[in-house]
Amino acid sequence: MASEWYVLTYDIDKRHSDVKSHLLRNGFSACMNKSGKSYKVPNTTVFTQATSTREAMSKFYKEVSALDRTVKVMKLFACILNGQELDSDELC
């Protein structure tokens, strides 16, 4: 199965900046390029490539745990982009 882009949005209990920085250093992105523009997402949202929502979420949990096992992920939502229309009020 080919990798697709997924968007993940999350709530965590602490270390917000550290978690985001760690994710960005380990295969996640805060920007999505489409139609010649680079769209930026809110602070607790990232993009990643995966073969399923389950894999995208598993990658997220793995990286958060690798940084700090005491960070509690209170909510995680993943959705495949699959050619969806994108827009943001901020460009990268």
PDB file of N, CA and C in Angstrom:
ATOM      1  N   MET A   1       0.846  -1.178   0.000  1.00  0.00           N
ATOM      2  CA  MET A   1       0.000   0.000   0.000  1.00  0.00           C
ATOM      3  C   MET A   1       0.893   1.244   0.000  1.00  0.00           C
ATOM      4  N   ALA A   2       0.563   2.222  -0.816  1.00  0.00           N
ATOM      5  CA  ALA A   2       1.358   3.445  -0.923  1.00  0.00           C
ATOM      6  C   ALA A   2       1.062   4.398   0.228  1.00  0.00           C
ATOM      7  N   SER A   3       2.070   5.169   0.594  1.00  0.00           N
ATOM      8  CA  SER A   3       1.885   6.176   1.638  1.00  0.00           C
ATOM      9  C   SER A   3       1.055   7.334   1.128  1.00  0.00           C
ATOM     10  N   GLU A   4       0.236   7.856   2.002  1.00  0.00           N
ATOM     11  CA  GLU A   4      -0.593   9.032   1.742  1.00  0.00           C
ATOM     12  C   GLU A   4      -0.293  10.053   2.830  1.00  0.00           C
ATOM     13  N   TRP A   5      -0.715  11.289   2.611  1.00  0.00           N
ATOM     14  CA  TRP A   5      -0.571  12.317   3.645  1.00  0.00           C
ATOM     15  C   TRP A   5      -1.772  12.287   4.578  1.00  0.00           C
ATOM     16  N   TYR A   6      -1.481  12.373   5.875  1.00  0.00           N
ATOM     17  CA  TYR A   6      -2.507  12.425   6.914  1.00  0.00           C
ATOM     18  C   TYR A   6      -2.307  13.685   7.737  1.00  0.00           C
ATOM     19  N   VAL A   7      -3.402  14.230   8.213  1.00  0.00           N
ATOM     20  CA  VAL A   7      -3.343  15.345   9.154  1.00  0.00           C
ATOM     21  C   VAL A   7      -3.763  14.808  10.514  1.00  0.00           C
ATOM     22  N   LEU A   8      -2.986  15.160  11.537  1.00  0.00           N
ATOM     23  CA  LEU A   8      -3.284  14.738  12.904  1.00  0.00           C
ATOM     24  C   LEU A   8      -3.414  15.978  13.776  1.00  0.00           C
ATOM     25  N   THR A   9      -4.435  15.994  14.581  1.00  0.00           N
ATOM     26  CA  THR A   9      -4.601  17.068  15.556  1.00  0.00           C
ATOM     27  C   THR A   9      -4.702  16.421  16.925  1.00  0.00           C
ATOM     28  N   TYR A  10      -4.105  17.085  17.927  1.00  0.00           N
ATOM     29  CA  TYR A  10      -3.955  16.412  19.217  1.00  0.00           C
ATOM     30  C   TYR A  10      -4.065  17.379  20.384  1.00  0.00           C
ATOM     31  N   ASP A  11      -4.411  16.824  21.534  1.00  0.00           N
ATOM     32  CA  ASP A  11      -4.360  17.512  22.825  1.00  0.00           C
ATOM     33  C   ASP A  11      -3.426  16.712  23.713  1.00  0.00           C
ATOM     34  N   ILE A  12      -2.471  17.416  24.339  1.00  0.00           N
ATOM     35  CA  ILE A  12      -1.562  16.787  25.288  1.00  0.00           C
ATOM     36  C   ILE A  12      -1.555  17.617  26.560  1.00  0.00           C
ATOM     37  N   ASP A  13      -1.054  17.022  27.638  1.00  0.00           N
ATOM     38  CA  ASP A  13      -1.142  17.709  28.932  1.00  0.00           C
ATOM     39  C   ASP A  13       0.044  18.612  29.253  1.00  0.00           C
ATOM     40  N   LYS A  14       1.180  18.448  28.562  1.00  0.00           N
ATOM     41  CA  LYS A  14       2.359  19.264  28.889  1.00  0.00           C
ATOM     42  C   LYS A  14       3.376  19.181  27.768  1.00  0.00           C
ATOM     43  N   ARG A  15       4.418  19.992  27.885  1.00  0.00           N
ATOM     44  CA  ARG A  15       5.557  19.999  26.966  1.00  0.00           C
ATOM     45  C   ARG A  15       5.143  20.224  25.517  1.00  0.00           C
ATOM     46  N   HIS A  16       4.206  21.110  25.306  1.00  0.00           N
ATOM     47  CA  HIS A  16       3.668  21.357  23.975  1.00  0.00           C
ATOM     48  C   HIS A  16       4.744  21.713  22.950  1.00  0.00           C
ATOM     49  N   SER A  17       5.583  22.682  23.254  1.00  0.00           N
ATOM     50  CA  SER A  17       6.628  23.102  22.310  1.00  0.00           C
ATOM     51  C   SER A  17       7.645  22.004  22.074  1.00  0.00           C
ATOM     52  N   ASP A  18       8.022  21.306  23.140  1.00  0.00           N
ATOM     53  CA  ASP A  18       8.989  20.211  23.011  1.00  0.00           C
ATOM     54  C   ASP A  18       8.441  19.085  22.133  1.00  0.00           C
ATOM     55  N   VAL A  19       7.182  18.738  22.342  1.00  0.00           N
ATOM     56  CA  VAL A  19       6.561  17.672  21.550  1.00  0.00           C
ATOM     57  C   VAL A  19       6.499  18.081  20.089  1.00  0.00           C
ATOM     58  N   LYS A  20       6.046  19.293  19.817  1.00  0.00           N
ATOM     59  CA  LYS A  20       5.944  19.742  18.424  1.00  0.00           C
ATOM     60  C   LYS A  20       7.320  19.738  17.760  1.00  0.00           C
ATOM     61  N   SER A  21       8.318  20.269  18.430  1.00  0.00           N
ATOM     62  CA  SER A  21       9.678  20.290  17.871  1.00  0.00           C
ATOM     63  C   SER A  21      10.186  18.880  17.605  1.00  0.00           C
ATOM     64  N   HIS A  22       9.944  17.969  18.538  1.00  0.00           N
ATOM     65  CA  HIS A  22      10.374  16.578  18.371  1.00  0.00           C
ATOM     66  C   HIS A  22       9.683  15.942  17.168  1.00  0.00           C
ATOM     67  N   LEU A  23       8.386  16.156  17.038  1.00  0.00           N
ATOM     68  CA  LEU A  23       7.660  15.601  15.900  1.00  0.00           C
ATOM     69  C   LEU A  23       8.221  16.129  14.582  1.00  0.00           C
ATOM     70  N   LEU A  24       8.498  17.429  14.528  1.00  0.00           N
ATOM     71  CA  LEU A  24       9.002  18.034  13.291  1.00  0.00           C
ATOM     72  C   LEU A  24      10.401  17.522  12.932  1.00  0.00           C
ATOM     73  N   ARG A  25      11.181  17.142  13.917  1.00  0.00           N
ATOM     74  CA  ARG A  25      12.508  16.565  13.660  1.00  0.00           C
ATOM     75  C   ARG A  25      12.437  15.091  13.277  1.00  0.00           C
ATOM     76  N   ASN A  26      11.265  14.480  13.426  1.00  0.00           N
ATOM     77  CA  ASN A  26      11.137  13.032  13.228  1.00  0.00           C
ATOM     78  C   ASN A  26      10.033  12.643  12.253  1.00  0.00           C
ATOM     79  N   GLY A  27      10.004  13.299  11.117  1.00  0.00           N
ATOM     80  CA  GLY A  27       9.134  12.863  10.019  1.00  0.00           C
ATOM     81  C   GLY A  27       7.769  13.501   9.930  1.00  0.00           C
ATOM     82  N   PHE A  28       7.444  14.415  10.828  1.00  0.00           N
ATOM     83  CA  PHE A  28       6.168  15.121  10.770  1.00  0.00           C
ATOM     84  C   PHE A  28       6.419  16.524  10.214  1.00  0.00           C
ATOM     85  N   SER A  29       5.373  17.176   9.778  1.00  0.00           N
ATOM     86  CA  SER A  29       5.502  18.509   9.195  1.00  0.00           C
ATOM     87  C   SER A  29       4.389  19.413   9.706  1.00  0.00           C
ATOM     88  N   ALA A  30       4.692  20.722   9.783  1.00  0.00           N
ATOM     89  CA  ALA A  30       3.678  21.715  10.156  1.00  0.00           C
ATOM     90  C   ALA A  30       3.157  22.433   8.919  1.00  0.00           C
ATOM     91  N   CYS A  31       3.660  22.056   7.752  1.00  0.00           N
ATOM     92  CA  CYS A  31       3.268  22.703   6.496  1.00  0.00           C
ATOM     93  C   CYS A  31       2.884  21.654   5.462  1.00  0.00           C
ATOM     94  N   MET A  32       1.974  22.023   4.587  1.00  0.00           N
ATOM     95  CA  MET A  32       1.574  21.155   3.483  1.00  0.00           C
ATOM     96  C   MET A  32       1.623  21.972   2.200  1.00  0.00           C
ATOM     97  N   ASN A  33       2.359  21.474   1.222  1.00  0.00           N
ATOM     98  CA  ASN A  33       2.464  22.154  -0.065  1.00  0.00           C
ATOM     99  C   ASN A  33       1.394  21.632  -1.013  1.00  0.00           C
ATOM    100  N   LYS A  34       0.687  22.561  -1.629  1.00  0.00           N
ATOM    101  CA  LYS A  34      -0.331  22.183  -2.602  1.00  0.00           C
ATOM    102  C   LYS A  34      -0.583  23.367  -3.521  1.00  0.00           C
ATOM    103  N   SER A  35      -0.625  23.100  -4.794  1.00  0.00           N
ATOM    104  CA  SER A  35      -0.924  24.122  -5.800  1.00  0.00           C
ATOM    105  C   SER A  35      -0.001  25.334  -5.680  1.00  0.00           C
ATOM    106  N   GLY A  36       1.279  25.078  -5.406  1.00  0.00           N
ATOM    107  CA  GLY A  36       2.257  26.148  -5.345  1.00  0.00           C
ATOM    108  C   GLY A  36       2.243  26.971  -4.075  1.00  0.00           C
ATOM    109  N   LYS A  37       1.433  26.595  -3.102  1.00  0.00           N
ATOM    110  CA  LYS A  37       1.386  27.298  -1.818  1.00  0.00           C
ATOM    111  C   LYS A  37       1.751  26.321  -0.708  1.00  0.00           C
ATOM    112  N   SER A  38       2.282  26.862   0.378  1.00  0.00           N
ATOM    113  CA  SER A  38       2.652  26.064   1.536  1.00  0.00           C
ATOM    114  C   SER A  38       1.786  26.506   2.711  1.00  0.00           C
ATOM    115  N   TYR A  39       0.874  25.663   3.122  1.00  0.00           N
ATOM    116  CA  TYR A  39      -0.105  25.981   4.158  1.00  0.00           C
ATOM    117  C   TYR A  39       0.386  25.560   5.535  1.00  0.00           C
ATOM    118  N   LYS A  40       0.244  26.435   6.518  1.00  0.00           N
ATOM    119  CA  LYS A  40       0.642  26.144   7.893  1.00  0.00           C
ATOM    120  C   LYS A  40      -0.583  25.763   8.717  1.00  0.00           C
ATOM    121  N   VAL A  41      -0.382  24.801   9.630  1.00  0.00           N
ATOM    122  CA  VAL A  41      -1.477  24.335  10.481  1.00  0.00           C
ATOM    123  C   VAL A  41      -1.315  24.879  11.903  1.00  0.00           C
ATOM    124  N   PRO A  42      -2.364  24.838  12.723  1.00  0.00           N
ATOM    125  CA  PRO A  42      -2.289  25.297  14.106  1.00  0.00           C
ATOM    126  C   PRO A  42      -1.245  24.509  14.920  1.00  0.00           C
ATOM    127  N   ASN A  43      -0.926  25.034  16.091  1.00  0.00           N
ATOM    128  CA  ASN A  43       0.160  24.492  16.914  1.00  0.00           C
ATOM    129  C   ASN A  43       0.025  23.026  17.278  1.00  0.00           C
ATOM    130  N   THR A  44      -1.157  22.528  17.498  1.00  0.00           N
ATOM    131  CA  THR A  44      -1.314  21.122  17.899  1.00  0.00           C
ATOM    132  C   THR A  44      -1.853  20.290  16.745  1.00  0.00           C
ATOM    133  N   THR A  45      -1.318  20.564  15.558  1.00  0.00           N
ATOM    134  CA  THR A  45      -1.684  19.833  14.353  1.00  0.00           C
ATOM    135  C   THR A  45      -0.414  19.567  13.558  1.00  0.00           C
ATOM    136  N   VAL A  46      -0.306  18.379  12.982  1.00  0.00           N
ATOM    137  CA  VAL A  46       0.845  18.022  12.151  1.00  0.00           C
ATOM    138  C   VAL A  46       0.386  17.168  10.977  1.00  0.00           C
ATOM    139  N   PHE A  47       1.250  17.080   9.980  1.00  0.00           N
ATOM    140  CA  PHE A  47       1.061  16.188   8.841  1.00  0.00           C
ATOM    141  C   PHE A  47       2.099  15.081   8.919  1.00  0.00           C
ATOM    142  N   THR A  48       1.745  13.902   8.418  1.00  0.00           N
ATOM    143  CA  THR A  48       2.717  12.819   8.270  1.00  0.00           C
ATOM    144  C   THR A  48       2.287  11.920   7.124  1.00  0.00           C
ATOM    145  N   GLN A  49       3.233  11.164   6.603  1.00  0.00           N
ATOM    146  CA  GLN A  49       2.917  10.178   5.584  1.00  0.00           C
ATOM    147  C   GLN A  49       2.792   8.810   6.246  1.00  0.00           C
ATOM    148  N   ALA A  50       1.782   8.076   5.825  1.00  0.00           N
ATOM    149  CA  ALA A  50       1.525   6.747   6.383  1.00  0.00           C
ATOM    150  C   ALA A  50       0.649   5.975   5.400  1.00  0.00           C
ATOM    151  N   THR A  51       0.451   4.702   5.688  1.00  0.00           N
ATOM    152  CA  THR A  51      -0.390   3.877   4.829  1.00  0.00           C
ATOM    153  C   THR A  51      -1.821   3.754   5.349  1.00  0.00           C
ATOM    154  N   SER A  52      -2.054   4.256   6.578  1.00  0.00           N
ATOM    155  CA  SER A  52      -3.400   4.190   7.150  1.00  0.00           C
ATOM    156  C   SER A  52      -3.486   5.171   8.316  1.00  0.00           C
ATOM    157  N   THR A  53      -4.701   5.474   8.745  1.00  0.00           N
ATOM    158  CA  THR A  53      -4.855   6.333   9.917  1.00  0.00           C
ATOM    159  C   THR A  53      -4.253   5.646  11.141  1.00  0.00           C
ATOM    160  N   ARG A  54      -4.398   4.348  11.219  1.00  0.00           N
ATOM    161  CA  ARG A  54      -3.834   3.598  12.351  1.00  0.00           C
ATOM    162  C   ARG A  54      -2.308   3.754  12.394  1.00  0.00           C
ATOM    163  N   GLU A  55      -1.657   3.651  11.241  1.00  0.00           N
ATOM    164  CA  GLU A  55      -0.201   3.821  11.200  1.00  0.00           C
ATOM    165  C   GLU A  55       0.196   5.256  11.551  1.00  0.00           C
ATOM    166  N   ALA A  56      -0.533   6.234  11.042  1.00  0.00           N
ATOM    167  CA  ALA A  56      -0.239   7.641  11.347  1.00  0.00           C
ATOM    168  C   ALA A  56      -0.339   7.886  12.847  1.00  0.00           C
ATOM    169  N   MET A  57      -1.384   7.374  13.465  1.00  0.00           N
ATOM    170  CA  MET A  57      -1.556   7.548  14.903  1.00  0.00           C
ATOM    171  C   MET A  57      -0.482   6.798  15.687  1.00  0.00           C
ATOM    172  N   SER A  58      -0.127   5.614  15.247  1.00  0.00           N
ATOM    173  CA  SER A  58       0.914   4.834  15.905  1.00  0.00           C
ATOM    174  C   SER A  58       2.257   5.567  15.860  1.00  0.00           C
ATOM    175  N   LYS A  59       2.577   6.166  14.714  1.00  0.00           N
ATOM    176  CA  LYS A  59       3.812   6.951  14.586  1.00  0.00           C
ATOM    177  C   LYS A  59       3.804   8.114  15.579  1.00  0.00           C
ATOM    178  N   PHE A  60       2.668   8.770  15.715  1.00  0.00           N
ATOM    179  CA  PHE A  60       2.550   9.895  16.643  1.00  0.00           C
ATOM    180  C   PHE A  60       2.805   9.438  18.074  1.00  0.00           C
ATOM    181  N   TYR A  61       2.098   8.399  18.509  1.00  0.00           N
ATOM    182  CA  TYR A  61       2.269   7.888  19.877  1.00  0.00           C
ATOM    183  C   TYR A  61       3.715   7.459  20.130  1.00  0.00           C
ATOM    184  N   LYS A  62       4.332   6.809  19.154  1.00  0.00           N
ATOM    185  CA  LYS A  62       5.711   6.350  19.292  1.00  0.00           C
ATOM    186  C   LYS A  62       6.654   7.525  19.526  1.00  0.00           C
ATOM    187  N   GLU A  63       6.494   8.585  18.755  1.00  0.00           N
ATOM    188  CA  GLU A  63       7.400   9.733  18.891  1.00  0.00           C
ATOM    189  C   GLU A  63       7.166  10.503  20.188  1.00  0.00           C
ATOM    190  N   VAL A  64       5.919  10.649  20.592  1.00  0.00           N
ATOM    191  CA  VAL A  64       5.649  11.327  21.864  1.00  0.00           C
ATOM    192  C   VAL A  64       6.259  10.524  23.008  1.00  0.00           C
ATOM    193  N   SER A  65       6.091   9.220  22.975  1.00  0.00           N
ATOM    194  CA  SER A  65       6.646   8.352  24.006  1.00  0.00           C
ATOM    195  C   SER A  65       8.172   8.378  23.995  1.00  0.00           C
ATOM    196  N   ALA A  66       8.770   8.456  22.810  1.00  0.00           N
ATOM    197  CA  ALA A  66      10.230   8.506  22.706  1.00  0.00           C
ATOM    198  C   ALA A  66      10.783   9.776  23.351  1.00  0.00           C
ATOM    199  N   LEU A  67      10.031  10.848  23.265  1.00  0.00           N
ATOM    200  CA  LEU A  67      10.462  12.108  23.877  1.00  0.00           C
ATOM    201  C   LEU A  67      10.279  12.073  25.388  1.00  0.00           C
ATOM    202  N   ASP A  68       9.079  11.668  25.829  1.00  0.00           N
ATOM    203  CA  ASP A  68       8.770  11.718  27.262  1.00  0.00           C
ATOM    204  C   ASP A  68       7.560  10.833  27.536  1.00  0.00           C
ATOM    205  N   ARG A  69       7.798   9.717  28.193  1.00  0.00           N
ATOM    206  CA  ARG A  69       6.710   8.768  28.482  1.00  0.00           C
ATOM    207  C   ARG A  69       5.660   9.330  29.435  1.00  0.00           C
ATOM    208  N   THR A  70       5.969  10.453  30.114  1.00  0.00           N
ATOM    209  CA  THR A  70       4.995  11.027  31.043  1.00  0.00           C
ATOM    210  C   THR A  70       4.027  11.997  30.376  1.00  0.00           C
ATOM    211  N   VAL A  71       4.250  12.335  29.094  1.00  0.00           N
ATOM    212  CA  VAL A  71       3.311  13.201  28.377  1.00  0.00           C
ATOM    213  C   VAL A  71       2.047  12.395  28.099  1.00  0.00           C
ATOM    214  N   LYS A  72       0.916  12.924  28.535  1.00  0.00           N
ATOM    215  CA  LYS A  72      -0.360  12.234  28.321  1.00  0.00           C
ATOM    216  C   LYS A  72      -1.024  12.795  27.063  1.00  0.00           C
ATOM    217  N   VAL A  73      -1.309  11.906  26.106  1.00  0.00           N
ATOM    218  CA  VAL A  73      -2.077  12.282  24.926  1.00  0.00           C
ATOM    219  C   VAL A  73      -3.546  12.147  25.313  1.00  0.00           C
ATOM    220  N   MET A  74      -4.214  13.283  25.434  1.00  0.00           N
ATOM    221  CA  MET A  74      -5.605  13.275  25.892  1.00  0.00           C
ATOM    222  C   MET A  74      -6.585  13.067  24.746  1.00  0.00           C
ATOM    223  N   LYS A  75      -6.182  13.486  23.547  1.00  0.00           N
ATOM    224  CA  LYS A  75      -7.044  13.329  22.381  1.00  0.00           C
ATOM    225  C   LYS A  75      -6.163  13.316  21.142  1.00  0.00           C
ATOM    226  N   LEU A  76      -6.472  12.449  20.179  1.00  0.00           N
ATOM    227  CA  LEU A  76      -5.756  12.385  18.907  1.00  0.00           C
ATOM    228  C   LEU A  76      -6.755  12.075  17.807  1.00  0.00           C
ATOM    229  N   PHE A  77      -6.706  12.863  16.752  1.00  0.00           N
ATOM    230  CA  PHE A  77      -7.590  12.681  15.602  1.00  0.00           C
ATOM    231  C   PHE A  77      -6.727  12.647  14.354  1.00  0.00           C
ATOM    232  N   ALA A  78      -6.943  11.667  13.475  1.00  0.00           N
ATOM    233  CA  ALA A  78      -6.190  11.554  12.222  1.00  0.00           C
ATOM    234  C   ALA A  78      -7.158  11.418  11.058  1.00  0.00           C
ATOM    235  N   CYS A  79      -6.785  12.052   9.945  1.00  0.00           N
ATOM    236  CA  CYS A  79      -7.629  12.018   8.749  1.00  0.00           C
ATOM    237  C   CYS A  79      -6.741  12.030   7.513  1.00  0.00           C
ATOM    238  N   ILE A  80      -7.050  11.196   6.538  1.00  0.00           N
ATOM    239  CA  ILE A  80      -6.305  11.183   5.288  1.00  0.00           C
ATOM    240  C   ILE A  80      -6.658  12.445   4.488  1.00  0.00           C
ATOM    241  N   LEU A  81      -5.656  13.029   3.853  1.00  0.00           N
ATOM    242  CA  LEU A  81      -5.916  14.217   3.037  1.00  0.00           C
ATOM    243  C   LEU A  81      -6.459  13.829   1.669  1.00  0.00           C
ATOM    244  N   ASN A  82      -5.801  12.868   0.995  1.00  0.00           N
ATOM    245  CA  ASN A  82      -6.322  12.272  -0.222  1.00  0.00           C
ATOM    246  C   ASN A  82      -6.884  13.275  -1.218  1.00  0.00           C
ATOM    247  N   GLY A  83      -6.110  14.326  -1.517  1.00  0.00           N
ATOM    248  CA  GLY A  83      -6.508  15.293  -2.524  1.00  0.00           C
ATOM    249  C   GLY A  83      -7.529  16.308  -2.076  1.00  0.00           C
ATOM    250  N   GLN A  84      -7.800  16.373  -0.788  1.00  0.00           N
ATOM    251  CA  GLN A  84      -8.794  17.316  -0.285  1.00  0.00           C
ATOM    252  C   GLN A  84      -8.339  18.752  -0.490  1.00  0.00           C
ATOM    253  N   GLU A  85      -9.295  19.631  -0.586  1.00  0.00           N
ATOM    254  CA  GLU A  85      -8.998  21.053  -0.704  1.00  0.00           C
ATOM    255  C   GLU A  85      -8.415  21.557   0.607  1.00  0.00           C
ATOM    256  N   LEU A  86      -7.344  22.347   0.516  1.00  0.00           N
ATOM    257  CA  LEU A  86      -6.691  22.892   1.698  1.00  0.00           C
ATOM    258  C   LEU A  86      -6.765  24.415   1.689  1.00  0.00           C
ATOM    259  N   ASP A  87      -6.811  24.989   2.865  1.00  0.00           N
ATOM    260  CA  ASP A  87      -6.701  26.432   3.005  1.00  0.00           C
ATOM    261  C   ASP A  87      -6.269  26.722   4.428  1.00  0.00           C
ATOM    262  N   SER A  88      -5.619  27.853   4.615  1.00  0.00           N
ATOM    263  CA  SER A  88      -5.161  28.272   5.927  1.00  0.00           C
ATOM    264  C   SER A  88      -5.065  29.775   5.918  1.00  0.00           C
ATOM    265  N   ASP A  89      -5.189  30.388   7.095  1.00  0.00           N
ATOM    266  CA  ASP A  89      -5.048  31.836   7.172  1.00  0.00           C
ATOM    267  C   ASP A  89      -3.581  32.237   7.334  1.00  0.00           C
ATOM    268  N   GLU A  90      -2.677  31.241   7.310  1.00  0.00           N
ATOM    269  CA  GLU A  90      -1.247  31.511   7.415  1.00  0.00           C
ATOM    270  C   GLU A  90      -0.475  30.581   6.489  1.00  0.00           C
ATOM    271  N   LEU A  91       0.442  31.142   5.721  1.00  0.00           N
ATOM    272  CA  LEU A  91       1.290  30.346   4.863  1.00  0.00           C
ATOM    273  C   LEU A  91       2.642  30.156   5.535  1.00  0.00           C
ATOM    274  N   CYS A  92       3.317  29.072   5.208  1.00  0.00           N
ATOM    275  CA  CYS A  92       4.644  28.787   5.767  1.00  0.00           C
ATOM    276  C   CYS A  92       5.688  29.664   5.109  1.00  0.00           C
TER     277      CYS A  92
END
